[in-house]
Amino acid sequence: MSYRQGRLAEAIKKEISDLIRNEIKDPRIGFVTITAVDVSSDLRHAKVYASVLGGGEQQRATAEALNRAAGYIRSEIGRRIRLKYTPEIIFQLDTSIERGTRVIKLMEEVKAGGGEGSGE
């Protein structure tokens, strides 16, 4: 990723987080954290990764609501960040935090189970 792509990705991440927190009032959008933004090399597409607190149905509803609001979010980013072209925005669910939590839980279970049988 080039320096410019990185700077734009961070700016988009900051602005989308602010928009979700303060402007978008859709009740389907739950507790969302924008974890990463990948900007294409031509700066015309941005893939936004969002982590959603809640179960599978809540995550799907939030992802759908975010994708429906993508046009509004794109126009707001166009107003807030001066660019020749405002990137198309695509939201993707980021399940890495959920997977990480599950791995830590499994490791703790193995440690607890392994500690008993080894005589420690």
PDB file of N, CA and C in Angstrom:
ATOM      1  N   MET A   1       0.848  -1.178   0.000  1.00  0.00           N
ATOM      2  CA  MET A   1       0.000   0.000   0.000  1.00  0.00           C
ATOM      3  C   MET A   1       0.891   1.237   0.000  1.00  0.00           C
ATOM      4  N   SER A   2       0.581   2.165  -0.877  1.00  0.00           N
ATOM      5  CA  SER A   2       1.374   3.382  -0.952  1.00  0.00           C
ATOM      6  C   SER A   2       1.048   4.306   0.224  1.00  0.00           C
ATOM      7  N   TYR A   3       1.896   5.289   0.404  1.00  0.00           N
ATOM      8  CA  TYR A   3       1.708   6.257   1.478  1.00  0.00           C
ATOM      9  C   TYR A   3       0.369   6.971   1.319  1.00  0.00           C
ATOM     10  N   ARG A   4       0.060   7.359   0.084  1.00  0.00           N
ATOM     11  CA  ARG A   4      -1.190   8.073  -0.184  1.00  0.00           C
ATOM     12  C   ARG A   4      -2.405   7.188   0.110  1.00  0.00           C
ATOM     13  N   GLN A   5      -2.350   5.919  -0.299  1.00  0.00           N
ATOM     14  CA  GLN A   5      -3.441   4.989  -0.003  1.00  0.00           C
ATOM     15  C   GLN A   5      -3.640   4.850   1.502  1.00  0.00           C
ATOM     16  N   GLY A   6      -2.535   4.747   2.236  1.00  0.00           N
ATOM     17  CA  GLY A   6      -2.604   4.613   3.687  1.00  0.00           C
ATOM     18  C   GLY A   6      -3.218   5.832   4.349  1.00  0.00           C
ATOM     19  N   ARG A   7      -2.809   7.012   3.904  1.00  0.00           N
ATOM     20  CA  ARG A   7      -3.363   8.251   4.464  1.00  0.00           C
ATOM     21  C   ARG A   7      -4.856   8.364   4.169  1.00  0.00           C
ATOM     22  N   LEU A   8      -5.244   8.042   2.933  1.00  0.00           N
ATOM     23  CA  LEU A   8      -6.653   8.109   2.563  1.00  0.00           C
ATOM     24  C   LEU A   8      -7.463   7.075   3.348  1.00  0.00           C
ATOM     25  N   ALA A   9      -6.929   5.879   3.503  1.00  0.00           N
ATOM     26  CA  ALA A   9      -7.627   4.831   4.255  1.00  0.00           C
ATOM     27  C   ALA A   9      -7.876   5.277   5.693  1.00  0.00           C
ATOM     28  N   GLU A  10      -6.870   5.866   6.330  1.00  0.00           N
ATOM     29  CA  GLU A  10      -7.034   6.342   7.711  1.00  0.00           C
ATOM     30  C   GLU A  10      -8.046   7.475   7.793  1.00  0.00           C
ATOM     31  N   ALA A  11      -8.023   8.393   6.818  1.00  0.00           N
ATOM     32  CA  ALA A  11      -8.977   9.503   6.812  1.00  0.00           C
ATOM     33  C   ALA A  11     -10.402   8.984   6.633  1.00  0.00           C
ATOM     34  N   ILE A  12     -10.579   8.033   5.723  1.00  0.00           N
ATOM     35  CA  ILE A  12     -11.907   7.452   5.499  1.00  0.00           C
ATOM     36  C   ILE A  12     -12.378   6.720   6.753  1.00  0.00           C
ATOM     37  N   LYS A  13     -11.497   5.967   7.369  1.00  0.00           N
ATOM     38  CA  LYS A  13     -11.842   5.233   8.600  1.00  0.00           C
ATOM     39  C   LYS A  13     -12.327   6.199   9.683  1.00  0.00           C
ATOM     40  N   LYS A  14     -11.613   7.292   9.864  1.00  0.00           N
ATOM     41  CA  LYS A  14     -11.968   8.292  10.873  1.00  0.00           C
ATOM     42  C   LYS A  14     -13.322   8.922  10.558  1.00  0.00           C
ATOM     43  N   GLU A  15     -13.529   9.303   9.308  1.00  0.00           N
ATOM     44  CA  GLU A  15     -14.778   9.969   8.929  1.00  0.00           C
ATOM     45  C   GLU A  15     -15.976   9.027   9.009  1.00  0.00           C
ATOM     46  N   ILE A  16     -15.819   7.783   8.575  1.00  0.00           N
ATOM     47  CA  ILE A  16     -16.937   6.836   8.645  1.00  0.00           C
ATOM     48  C   ILE A  16     -17.285   6.534  10.102  1.00  0.00           C
ATOM     49  N   SER A  17     -16.277   6.383  10.939  1.00  0.00           N
ATOM     50  CA  SER A  17     -16.537   6.151  12.370  1.00  0.00           C
ATOM     51  C   SER A  17     -17.338   7.314  12.952  1.00  0.00           C
ATOM     52  N   ASP A  18     -16.944   8.527  12.595  1.00  0.00           N
ATOM     53  CA  ASP A  18     -17.648   9.715  13.076  1.00  0.00           C
ATOM     54  C   ASP A  18     -19.087   9.754  12.548  1.00  0.00           C
ATOM     55  N   LEU A  19     -19.270   9.446  11.268  1.00  0.00           N
ATOM     56  CA  LEU A  19     -20.613   9.441  10.682  1.00  0.00           C
ATOM     57  C   LEU A  19     -21.521   8.419  11.364  1.00  0.00           C
ATOM     58  N   ILE A  20     -21.012   7.217  11.587  1.00  0.00           N
ATOM     59  CA  ILE A  20     -21.817   6.171  12.224  1.00  0.00           C
ATOM     60  C   ILE A  20     -22.180   6.568  13.652  1.00  0.00           C
ATOM     61  N   ARG A  21     -21.231   7.156  14.341  1.00  0.00           N
ATOM     62  CA  ARG A  21     -21.446   7.525  15.739  1.00  0.00           C
ATOM     63  C   ARG A  21     -22.416   8.710  15.870  1.00  0.00           C
ATOM     64  N   ASN A  22     -22.310   9.707  14.984  1.00  0.00           N
ATOM     65  CA  ASN A  22     -23.040  10.958  15.195  1.00  0.00           C
ATOM     66  C   ASN A  22     -24.156  11.270  14.212  1.00  0.00           C
ATOM     67  N   GLU A  23     -24.143  10.701  13.013  1.00  0.00           N
ATOM     68  CA  GLU A  23     -25.086  11.142  11.994  1.00  0.00           C
ATOM     69  C   GLU A  23     -26.117  10.088  11.599  1.00  0.00           C
ATOM     70  N   ILE A  24     -25.698   8.859  11.461  1.00  0.00           N
ATOM     71  CA  ILE A  24     -26.609   7.816  10.970  1.00  0.00           C
ATOM     72  C   ILE A  24     -27.448   7.300  12.138  1.00  0.00           C
ATOM     73  N   LYS A  25     -28.761   7.408  11.983  1.00  0.00           N
ATOM     74  CA  LYS A  25     -29.677   7.057  13.078  1.00  0.00           C
ATOM     75  C   LYS A  25     -30.522   5.822  12.761  1.00  0.00           C
ATOM     76  N   ASP A  26     -30.006   4.939  11.926  1.00  0.00           N
ATOM     77  CA  ASP A  26     -30.734   3.724  11.555  1.00  0.00           C
ATOM     78  C   ASP A  26     -30.761   2.767  12.748  1.00  0.00           C
ATOM     79  N   PRO A  27     -31.949   2.347  13.201  1.00  0.00           N
ATOM     80  CA  PRO A  27     -32.022   1.462  14.373  1.00  0.00           C
ATOM     81  C   PRO A  27     -31.431   0.071  14.124  1.00  0.00           C
ATOM     82  N   ARG A  28     -31.277  -0.323  12.842  1.00  0.00           N
ATOM     83  CA  ARG A  28     -30.695  -1.640  12.545  1.00  0.00           C
ATOM     84  C   ARG A  28     -29.193  -1.662  12.784  1.00  0.00           C
ATOM     85  N   ILE A  29     -28.576  -0.488  12.825  1.00  0.00           N
ATOM     86  CA  ILE A  29     -27.129  -0.430  13.020  1.00  0.00           C
ATOM     87  C   ILE A  29     -26.851  -0.533  14.509  1.00  0.00           C
ATOM     88  N   GLY A  30     -26.204  -1.629  14.881  1.00  0.00           N
ATOM     89  CA  GLY A  30     -25.876  -1.866  16.278  1.00  0.00           C
ATOM     90  C   GLY A  30     -24.559  -1.205  16.645  1.00  0.00           C
ATOM     91  N   PHE A  31     -23.863  -1.799  17.598  1.00  0.00           N
ATOM     92  CA  PHE A  31     -22.572  -1.284  18.034  1.00  0.00           C
ATOM     93  C   PHE A  31     -21.524  -1.706  17.009  1.00  0.00           C
ATOM     94  N   VAL A  32     -21.030  -0.748  16.234  1.00  0.00           N
ATOM     95  CA  VAL A  32     -20.120  -1.016  15.116  1.00  0.00           C
ATOM     96  C   VAL A  32     -18.766  -0.373  15.385  1.00  0.00           C
ATOM     97  N   THR A  33     -17.710  -1.113  15.057  1.00  0.00           N
ATOM     98  CA  THR A  33     -16.355  -0.577  15.075  1.00  0.00           C
ATOM     99  C   THR A  33     -15.771  -0.764  13.687  1.00  0.00           C
ATOM    100  N   ILE A  34     -15.266   0.310  13.110  1.00  0.00           N
ATOM    101  CA  ILE A  34     -14.588   0.222  11.820  1.00  0.00           C
ATOM    102  C   ILE A  34     -13.161  -0.224  12.116  1.00  0.00           C
ATOM    103  N   THR A  35     -12.817  -1.423  11.668  1.00  0.00           N
ATOM    104  CA  THR A  35     -11.514  -1.997  12.006  1.00  0.00           C
ATOM    105  C   THR A  35     -10.437  -1.689  10.977  1.00  0.00           C
ATOM    106  N   ALA A  36     -10.814  -1.577   9.706  1.00  0.00           N
ATOM    107  CA  ALA A  36      -9.814  -1.321   8.661  1.00  0.00           C
ATOM    108  C   ALA A  36     -10.499  -0.802   7.409  1.00  0.00           C
ATOM    109  N   VAL A  37      -9.713  -0.132   6.580  1.00  0.00           N
ATOM    110  CA  VAL A  37     -10.172   0.320   5.269  1.00  0.00           C
ATOM    111  C   VAL A  37      -9.067  -0.006   4.277  1.00  0.00           C
ATOM    112  N   ASP A  38      -9.439  -0.693   3.187  1.00  0.00           N
ATOM    113  CA  ASP A  38      -8.503  -0.977   2.098  1.00  0.00           C
ATOM    114  C   ASP A  38      -8.908  -0.125   0.909  1.00  0.00           C
ATOM    115  N   VAL A  39      -7.980   0.697   0.437  1.00  0.00           N
ATOM    116  CA  VAL A  39      -8.245   1.561  -0.708  1.00  0.00           C
ATOM    117  C   VAL A  39      -7.507   0.986  -1.909  1.00  0.00           C
ATOM    118  N   SER A  40      -8.188   0.916  -3.053  1.00  0.00           N
ATOM    119  CA  SER A  40      -7.554   0.390  -4.268  1.00  0.00           C
ATOM    120  C   SER A  40      -6.438   1.324  -4.721  1.00  0.00           C
ATOM    121  N   SER A  41      -5.546   0.817  -5.559  1.00  0.00           N
ATOM    122  CA  SER A  41      -4.392   1.609  -5.995  1.00  0.00           C
ATOM    123  C   SER A  41      -4.794   2.837  -6.797  1.00  0.00           C
ATOM    124  N   ASP A  42      -5.948   2.794  -7.486  1.00  0.00           N
ATOM    125  CA  ASP A  42      -6.404   3.974  -8.229  1.00  0.00           C
ATOM    126  C   ASP A  42      -7.265   4.907  -7.370  1.00  0.00           C
ATOM    127  N   LEU A  43      -7.425   4.591  -6.098  1.00  0.00           N
ATOM    128  CA  LEU A  43      -8.159   5.390  -5.103  1.00  0.00           C
ATOM    129  C   LEU A  43      -9.643   5.546  -5.437  1.00  0.00           C
ATOM    130  N   ARG A  44     -10.200   4.636  -6.211  1.00  0.00           N
ATOM    131  CA  ARG A  44     -11.607   4.749  -6.606  1.00  0.00           C
ATOM    132  C   ARG A  44     -12.529   3.785  -5.866  1.00  0.00           C
ATOM    133  N   HIS A  45     -11.962   2.842  -5.133  1.00  0.00           N
ATOM    134  CA  HIS A  45     -12.764   1.876  -4.381  1.00  0.00           C
ATOM    135  C   HIS A  45     -12.194   1.737  -2.970  1.00  0.00           C
ATOM    136  N   ALA A  46     -13.083   1.668  -1.997  1.00  0.00           N
ATOM    137  CA  ALA A  46     -12.658   1.476  -0.610  1.00  0.00           C
ATOM    138  C   ALA A  46     -13.491   0.357  -0.002  1.00  0.00           C
ATOM    139  N   LYS A  47     -12.795  -0.641   0.505  1.00  0.00           N
ATOM    140  CA  LYS A  47     -13.453  -1.745   1.199  1.00  0.00           C
ATOM    141  C   LYS A  47     -13.320  -1.445   2.689  1.00  0.00           C
ATOM    142  N   VAL A  48     -14.461  -1.295   3.356  1.00  0.00           N
ATOM    143  CA  VAL A  48     -14.490  -0.916   4.765  1.00  0.00           C
ATOM    144  C   VAL A  48     -14.873  -2.135   5.590  1.00  0.00           C
ATOM    145  N   TYR A  49     -14.005  -2.514   6.522  1.00  0.00           N
ATOM    146  CA  TYR A  49     -14.246  -3.674   7.378  1.00  0.00           C
ATOM    147  C   TYR A  49     -14.827  -3.199   8.700  1.00  0.00           C
ATOM    148  N   ALA A  50     -15.993  -3.763   9.058  1.00  0.00           N
ATOM    149  CA  ALA A  50     -16.693  -3.359  10.268  1.00  0.00           C
ATOM    150  C   ALA A  50     -16.920  -4.565  11.164  1.00  0.00           C
ATOM    151  N   SER A  51     -16.622  -4.389  12.422  1.00  0.00           N
ATOM    152  CA  SER A  51     -16.874  -5.422  13.423  1.00  0.00           C
ATOM    153  C   SER A  51     -18.145  -5.021  14.169  1.00  0.00           C
ATOM    154  N   VAL A  52     -19.072  -5.962  14.319  1.00  0.00           N
ATOM    155  CA  VAL A  52     -20.361  -5.675  14.933  1.00  0.00           C
ATOM    156  C   VAL A  52     -20.526  -6.534  16.173  1.00  0.00           C
ATOM    157  N   LEU A  53     -20.881  -5.890  17.274  1.00  0.00           N
ATOM    158  CA  LEU A  53     -21.141  -6.606  18.510  1.00  0.00           C
ATOM    159  C   LEU A  53     -22.541  -7.197  18.432  1.00  0.00           C
ATOM    160  N   GLY A  54     -22.657  -8.477  18.679  1.00  0.00           N
ATOM    161  CA  GLY A  54     -23.969  -9.120  18.646  1.00  0.00           C
ATOM    162  C   GLY A  54     -23.915 -10.428  17.886  1.00  0.00           C
ATOM    163  N   GLY A  55     -25.065 -11.068  17.803  1.00  0.00           N
ATOM    164  CA  GLY A  55     -25.169 -12.362  17.136  1.00  0.00           C
ATOM    165  C   GLY A  55     -25.204 -12.226  15.626  1.00  0.00           C
ATOM    166  N   GLY A  56     -25.329 -13.357  14.961  1.00  0.00           N
ATOM    167  CA  GLY A  56     -25.305 -13.409  13.510  1.00  0.00           C
ATOM    168  C   GLY A  56     -26.385 -12.565  12.852  1.00  0.00           C
ATOM    169  N   GLU A  57     -27.596 -12.597  13.393  1.00  0.00           N
ATOM    170  CA  GLU A  57     -28.701 -11.821  12.806  1.00  0.00           C
ATOM    171  C   GLU A  57     -28.440 -10.323  12.951  1.00  0.00           C
ATOM    172  N   GLN A  58     -27.955  -9.913  14.107  1.00  0.00           N
ATOM    173  CA  GLN A  58     -27.624  -8.490  14.335  1.00  0.00           C
ATOM    174  C   GLN A  58     -26.513  -8.047  13.388  1.00  0.00           C
ATOM    175  N   GLN A  59     -25.519  -8.903  13.180  1.00  0.00           N
ATOM    176  CA  GLN A  59     -24.416  -8.575  12.283  1.00  0.00           C
ATOM    177  C   GLN A  59     -24.907  -8.424  10.849  1.00  0.00           C
ATOM    178  N   ARG A  60     -25.757  -9.341  10.397  1.00  0.00           N
ATOM    179  CA  ARG A  60     -26.288  -9.257   9.030  1.00  0.00           C
ATOM    180  C   ARG A  60     -27.136  -8.003   8.838  1.00  0.00           C
ATOM    181  N   ALA A  61     -27.985  -7.690   9.815  1.00  0.00           N
ATOM    182  CA  ALA A  61     -28.845  -6.503   9.720  1.00  0.00           C
ATOM    183  C   ALA A  61     -27.998  -5.230   9.677  1.00  0.00           C
ATOM    184  N   THR A  62     -26.955  -5.190  10.480  1.00  0.00           N
ATOM    185  CA  THR A  62     -26.080  -4.020  10.498  1.00  0.00           C
ATOM    186  C   THR A  62     -25.334  -3.886   9.177  1.00  0.00           C
ATOM    187  N   ALA A  63     -24.816  -4.997   8.652  1.00  0.00           N
ATOM    188  CA  ALA A  63     -24.100  -4.957   7.370  1.00  0.00           C
ATOM    189  C   ALA A  63     -25.021  -4.478   6.256  1.00  0.00           C
ATOM    190  N   GLU A  64     -26.261  -4.960   6.251  1.00  0.00           N
ATOM    191  CA  GLU A  64     -27.220  -4.531   5.233  1.00  0.00           C
ATOM    192  C   GLU A  64     -27.520  -3.037   5.360  1.00  0.00           C
ATOM    193  N   ALA A  65     -27.731  -2.574   6.584  1.00  0.00           N
ATOM    194  CA  ALA A  65     -28.019  -1.156   6.809  1.00  0.00           C
ATOM    195  C   ALA A  65     -26.839  -0.280   6.394  1.00  0.00           C
ATOM    196  N   LEU A  66     -25.614  -0.727   6.691  1.00  0.00           N
ATOM    197  CA  LEU A  66     -24.432   0.045   6.297  1.00  0.00           C
ATOM    198  C   LEU A  66     -24.303   0.112   4.781  1.00  0.00           C
ATOM    199  N   ASN A  67     -24.535  -1.004   4.103  1.00  0.00           N
ATOM    200  CA  ASN A  67     -24.452  -1.004   2.642  1.00  0.00           C
ATOM    201  C   ASN A  67     -25.549  -0.153   2.012  1.00  0.00           C
ATOM    202  N   ARG A  68     -26.717  -0.100   2.642  1.00  0.00           N
ATOM    203  CA  ARG A  68     -27.788   0.778   2.146  1.00  0.00           C
ATOM    204  C   ARG A  68     -27.430   2.251   2.353  1.00  0.00           C
ATOM    205  N   ALA A  69     -26.675   2.546   3.400  1.00  0.00           N
ATOM    206  CA  ALA A  69     -26.275   3.925   3.691  1.00  0.00           C
ATOM    207  C   ALA A  69     -24.983   4.315   2.982  1.00  0.00           C
ATOM    208  N   ALA A  70     -24.406   3.412   2.197  1.00  0.00           N
ATOM    209  CA  ALA A  70     -23.106   3.671   1.562  1.00  0.00           C
ATOM    210  C   ALA A  70     -23.126   4.909   0.668  1.00  0.00           C
ATOM    211  N   GLY A  71     -24.222   5.149  -0.034  1.00  0.00           N
ATOM    212  CA  GLY A  71     -24.318   6.337  -0.887  1.00  0.00           C
ATOM    213  C   GLY A  71     -24.246   7.622  -0.088  1.00  0.00           C
ATOM    214  N   TYR A  72     -24.995   7.668   1.013  1.00  0.00           N
ATOM    215  CA  TYR A  72     -24.958   8.829   1.895  1.00  0.00           C
ATOM    216  C   TYR A  72     -23.565   9.004   2.495  1.00  0.00           C
ATOM    217  N   ILE A  73     -22.980   7.895   2.948  1.00  0.00           N
ATOM    218  CA  ILE A  73     -21.647   7.952   3.551  1.00  0.00           C
ATOM    219  C   ILE A  73     -20.631   8.446   2.524  1.00  0.00           C
ATOM    220  N   ARG A  74     -20.741   7.953   1.303  1.00  0.00           N
ATOM    221  CA  ARG A  74     -19.820   8.392   0.240  1.00  0.00           C
ATOM    222  C   ARG A  74     -19.958   9.890  -0.014  1.00  0.00           C
ATOM    223  N   SER A  75     -21.187  10.388  -0.082  1.00  0.00           N
ATOM    224  CA  SER A  75     -21.371  11.819  -0.331  1.00  0.00           C
ATOM    225  C   SER A  75     -20.818  12.658   0.816  1.00  0.00           C
ATOM    226  N   GLU A  76     -20.992  12.194   2.045  1.00  0.00           N
ATOM    227  CA  GLU A  76     -20.450  12.918   3.198  1.00  0.00           C
ATOM    228  C   GLU A  76     -18.918  12.912   3.186  1.00  0.00           C
ATOM    229  N   ILE A  77     -18.330  11.783   2.810  1.00  0.00           N
ATOM    230  CA  ILE A  77     -16.863  11.717   2.713  1.00  0.00           C
ATOM    231  C   ILE A  77     -16.380  12.675   1.632  1.00  0.00           C
ATOM    232  N   GLY A  78     -17.122  12.752   0.524  1.00  0.00           N
ATOM    233  CA  GLY A  78     -16.784  13.688  -0.546  1.00  0.00           C
ATOM    234  C   GLY A  78     -16.795  15.126  -0.069  1.00  0.00           C
ATOM    235  N   ARG A  79     -17.712  15.464   0.838  1.00  0.00           N
ATOM    236  CA  ARG A  79     -17.757  16.816   1.391  1.00  0.00           C
ATOM    237  C   ARG A  79     -16.627  17.058   2.386  1.00  0.00           C
ATOM    238  N   ARG A  80     -16.275  16.034   3.166  1.00  0.00           N
ATOM    239  CA  ARG A  80     -15.313  16.207   4.248  1.00  0.00           C
ATOM    240  C   ARG A  80     -13.856  16.088   3.802  1.00  0.00           C
ATOM    241  N   ILE A  81     -13.598  15.259   2.792  1.00  0.00           N
ATOM    242  CA  ILE A  81     -12.228  15.029   2.317  1.00  0.00           C
ATOM    243  C   ILE A  81     -12.153  15.508   0.874  1.00  0.00           C
ATOM    244  N   ARG A  82     -11.236  16.412   0.583  1.00  0.00           N
ATOM    245  CA  ARG A  82     -11.107  16.946  -0.771  1.00  0.00           C
ATOM    246  C   ARG A  82     -10.353  15.953  -1.646  1.00  0.00           C
ATOM    247  N   LEU A  83     -11.089  15.349  -2.592  1.00  0.00           N
ATOM    248  CA  LEU A  83     -10.511  14.378  -3.512  1.00  0.00           C
ATOM    249  C   LEU A  83     -11.040  14.646  -4.912  1.00  0.00           C
ATOM    250  N   LYS A  84     -10.258  14.256  -5.908  1.00  0.00           N
ATOM    251  CA  LYS A  84     -10.732  14.363  -7.279  1.00  0.00           C
ATOM    252  C   LYS A  84     -11.907  13.414  -7.490  1.00  0.00           C
ATOM    253  N   TYR A  85     -11.763  12.179  -7.008  1.00  0.00           N
ATOM    254  CA  TYR A  85     -12.823  11.180  -7.070  1.00  0.00           C
ATOM    255  C   TYR A  85     -13.056  10.628  -5.673  1.00  0.00           C
ATOM    256  N   THR A  86     -14.314  10.608  -5.266  1.00  0.00           N
ATOM    257  CA  THR A  86     -14.649   9.989  -3.981  1.00  0.00           C
ATOM    258  C   THR A  86     -14.804   8.496  -4.219  1.00  0.00           C
ATOM    259  N   PRO A  87     -14.101   7.664  -3.451  1.00  0.00           N
ATOM    260  CA  PRO A  87     -14.151   6.216  -3.702  1.00  0.00           C
ATOM    261  C   PRO A  87     -15.532   5.606  -3.461  1.00  0.00           C
ATOM    262  N   GLU A  88     -15.840   4.575  -4.253  1.00  0.00           N
ATOM    263  CA  GLU A  88     -17.023   3.752  -3.995  1.00  0.00           C
ATOM    264  C   GLU A  88     -16.756   2.994  -2.703  1.00  0.00           C
ATOM    265  N   ILE A  89     -17.770   2.880  -1.854  1.00  0.00           N
ATOM    266  CA  ILE A  89     -17.587   2.248  -0.548  1.00  0.00           C
ATOM    267  C   ILE A  89     -18.363   0.936  -0.493  1.00  0.00           C
ATOM    268  N   ILE A  90     -17.670  -0.102  -0.051  1.00  0.00           N
ATOM    269  CA  ILE A  90     -18.273  -1.422   0.136  1.00  0.00           C
ATOM    270  C   ILE A  90     -17.975  -1.847   1.568  1.00  0.00           C
ATOM    271  N   PHE A  91     -19.009  -2.200   2.297  1.00  0.00           N
ATOM    272  CA  PHE A  91     -18.831  -2.654   3.676  1.00  0.00           C
ATOM    273  C   PHE A  91     -18.723  -4.167   3.713  1.00  0.00           C
ATOM    274  N   GLN A  92     -17.805  -4.661   4.538  1.00  0.00           N
ATOM    275  CA  GLN A  92     -17.615  -6.096   4.763  1.00  0.00           C
ATOM    276  C   GLN A  92     -17.597  -6.330   6.272  1.00  0.00           C
ATOM    277  N   LEU A  93     -18.225  -7.425   6.702  1.00  0.00           N
ATOM    278  CA  LEU A  93     -18.157  -7.775   8.119  1.00  0.00           C
ATOM    279  C   LEU A  93     -16.767  -8.293   8.448  1.00  0.00           C
ATOM    280  N   ASP A  94     -16.213  -7.811   9.534  1.00  0.00           N
ATOM    281  CA  ASP A  94     -14.903  -8.270  10.005  1.00  0.00           C
ATOM    282  C   ASP A  94     -15.135  -9.154  11.220  1.00  0.00           C
ATOM    283  N   THR A  95     -14.864 -10.434  11.065  1.00  0.00           N
ATOM    284  CA  THR A  95     -15.079 -11.379  12.169  1.00  0.00           C
ATOM    285  C   THR A  95     -13.776 -11.747  12.871  1.00  0.00           C
ATOM    286  N   SER A  96     -12.712 -11.014  12.604  1.00  0.00           N
ATOM    287  CA  SER A  96     -11.411 -11.356  13.186  1.00  0.00           C
ATOM    288  C   SER A  96     -11.410 -11.233  14.706  1.00  0.00           C
ATOM    289  N   ILE A  97     -12.110 -10.257  15.263  1.00  0.00           N
ATOM    290  CA  ILE A  97     -12.161 -10.099  16.723  1.00  0.00           C
ATOM    291  C   ILE A  97     -12.894 -11.287  17.333  1.00  0.00           C
ATOM    292  N   GLU A  98     -14.005 -11.670  16.706  1.00  0.00           N
ATOM    293  CA  GLU A  98     -14.772 -12.825  17.178  1.00  0.00           C
ATOM    294  C   GLU A  98     -13.930 -14.095  17.120  1.00  0.00           C
ATOM    295  N   ARG A  99     -13.211 -14.297  16.003  1.00  0.00           N
ATOM    296  CA  ARG A  99     -12.347 -15.478  15.863  1.00  0.00           C
ATOM    297  C   ARG A  99     -11.227 -15.445  16.899  1.00  0.00           C
ATOM    298  N   GLY A 100     -10.640 -14.278  17.124  1.00  0.00           N
ATOM    299  CA  GLY A 100      -9.571 -14.149  18.104  1.00  0.00           C
ATOM    300  C   GLY A 100     -10.043 -14.495  19.503  1.00  0.00           C
ATOM    301  N   THR A 101     -11.231 -14.028  19.856  1.00  0.00           N
ATOM    302  CA  THR A 101     -11.805 -14.334  21.169  1.00  0.00           C
ATOM    303  C   THR A 101     -12.034 -15.834  21.320  1.00  0.00           C
ATOM    304  N   ARG A 102     -12.533 -16.469  20.240  1.00  0.00           N
ATOM    305  CA  ARG A 102     -12.773 -17.914  20.281  1.00  0.00           C
ATOM    306  C   ARG A 102     -11.465 -18.681  20.438  1.00  0.00           C
ATOM    307  N   VAL A 103     -10.406 -18.256  19.740  1.00  0.00           N
ATOM    308  CA  VAL A 103      -9.100 -18.922  19.843  1.00  0.00           C
ATOM    309  C   VAL A 103      -8.541 -18.792  21.258  1.00  0.00           C
ATOM    310  N   ILE A 104      -8.652 -17.603  21.844  1.00  0.00           N
ATOM    311  CA  ILE A 104      -8.161 -17.397  23.216  1.00  0.00           C
ATOM    312  C   ILE A 104      -8.926 -18.289  24.187  1.00  0.00           C
ATOM    313  N   LYS A 105     -10.251 -18.387  24.009  1.00  0.00           N
ATOM    314  CA  LYS A 105     -11.065 -19.237  24.882  1.00  0.00           C
ATOM    315  C   LYS A 105     -10.629 -20.697  24.757  1.00  0.00           C
ATOM    316  N   LEU A 106     -10.416 -21.156  23.518  1.00  0.00           N
ATOM    317  CA  LEU A 106      -9.972 -22.542  23.310  1.00  0.00           C
ATOM    318  C   LEU A 106      -8.597 -22.781  23.931  1.00  0.00           C
ATOM    319  N   MET A 107      -7.699 -21.815  23.807  1.00  0.00           N
ATOM    320  CA  MET A 107      -6.365 -21.958  24.397  1.00  0.00           C
ATOM    321  C   MET A 107      -6.444 -22.054  25.917  1.00  0.00           C
ATOM    322  N   GLU A 108      -7.351 -21.245  26.511  1.00  0.00           N
ATOM    323  CA  GLU A 108      -7.530 -21.310  27.966  1.00  0.00           C
ATOM    324  C   GLU A 108      -8.096 -22.653  28.397  1.00  0.00           C
ATOM    325  N   GLU A 109      -9.026 -23.203  27.585  1.00  0.00           N
ATOM    326  CA  GLU A 109      -9.593 -24.511  27.896  1.00  0.00           C
ATOM    327  C   GLU A 109      -8.521 -25.593  27.818  1.00  0.00           C
ATOM    328  N   VAL A 110      -7.667 -25.540  26.794  1.00  0.00           N
ATOM    329  CA  VAL A 110      -6.595 -26.515  26.655  1.00  0.00           C
ATOM    330  C   VAL A 110      -5.611 -26.390  27.814  1.00  0.00           C
ATOM    331  N   LYS A 111      -5.291 -25.160  28.174  1.00  0.00           N
ATOM    332  CA  LYS A 111      -4.368 -24.929  29.292  1.00  0.00           C
ATOM    333  C   LYS A 111      -4.949 -25.466  30.590  1.00  0.00           C
ATOM    334  N   ALA A 112      -6.235 -25.213  30.827  1.00  0.00           N
ATOM    335  CA  ALA A 112      -6.885 -25.701  32.046  1.00  0.00           C
ATOM    336  C   ALA A 112      -6.960 -27.223  32.038  1.00  0.00           C
ATOM    337  N   GLY A 113      -7.277 -27.826  30.914  1.00  0.00           N
ATOM    338  CA  GLY A 113      -7.366 -29.274  30.827  1.00  0.00           C
ATOM    339  C   GLY A 113      -5.990 -29.935  30.852  1.00  0.00           C
ATOM    340  N   GLY A 114      -4.999 -29.317  30.221  1.00  0.00           N
ATOM    341  CA  GLY A 114      -3.649 -29.872  30.177  1.00  0.00           C
ATOM    342  C   GLY A 114      -2.923 -29.756  31.503  1.00  0.00           C
ATOM    343  N   GLY A 115      -3.249 -28.718  32.261  1.00  0.00           N
ATOM    344  CA  GLY A 115      -2.593 -28.511  33.561  1.00  0.00           C
ATOM    345  C   GLY A 115      -2.939 -29.565  34.567  1.00  0.00           C
ATOM    346  N   GLU A 116      -4.170 -30.126  34.486  1.00  0.00           N
ATOM    347  CA  GLU A 116      -4.609 -31.136  35.444  1.00  0.00           C
ATOM    348  C   GLU A 116      -3.937 -32.477  35.204  1.00  0.00           C
ATOM    349  N   GLY A 117      -3.809 -32.859  33.931  1.00  0.00           N
ATOM    350  CA  GLY A 117      -3.285 -34.187  33.604  1.00  0.00           C
ATOM    351  C   GLY A 117      -1.770 -34.289  33.669  1.00  0.00           C
ATOM    352  N   SER A 118      -1.046 -33.187  33.633  1.00  0.00           N
ATOM    353  CA  SER A 118       0.417 -33.252  33.603  1.00  0.00           C
ATOM    354  C   SER A 118       1.045 -33.164  34.985  1.00  0.00           C
ATOM    355  N   GLY A 119       0.240 -33.053  36.036  1.00  0.00           N
ATOM    356  CA  GLY A 119       0.768 -33.036  37.392  1.00  0.00           C
ATOM    357  C   GLY A 119       1.339 -31.695  37.812  1.00  0.00           C
ATOM    358  N   GLU A 120       0.975 -30.622  37.162  1.00  0.00           N
ATOM    359  CA  GLU A 120       1.489 -29.297  37.521  1.00  0.00           C
ATOM    360  C   GLU A 120       0.711 -28.693  38.645  1.00  0.00           C
TER     361      GLU A 120
END
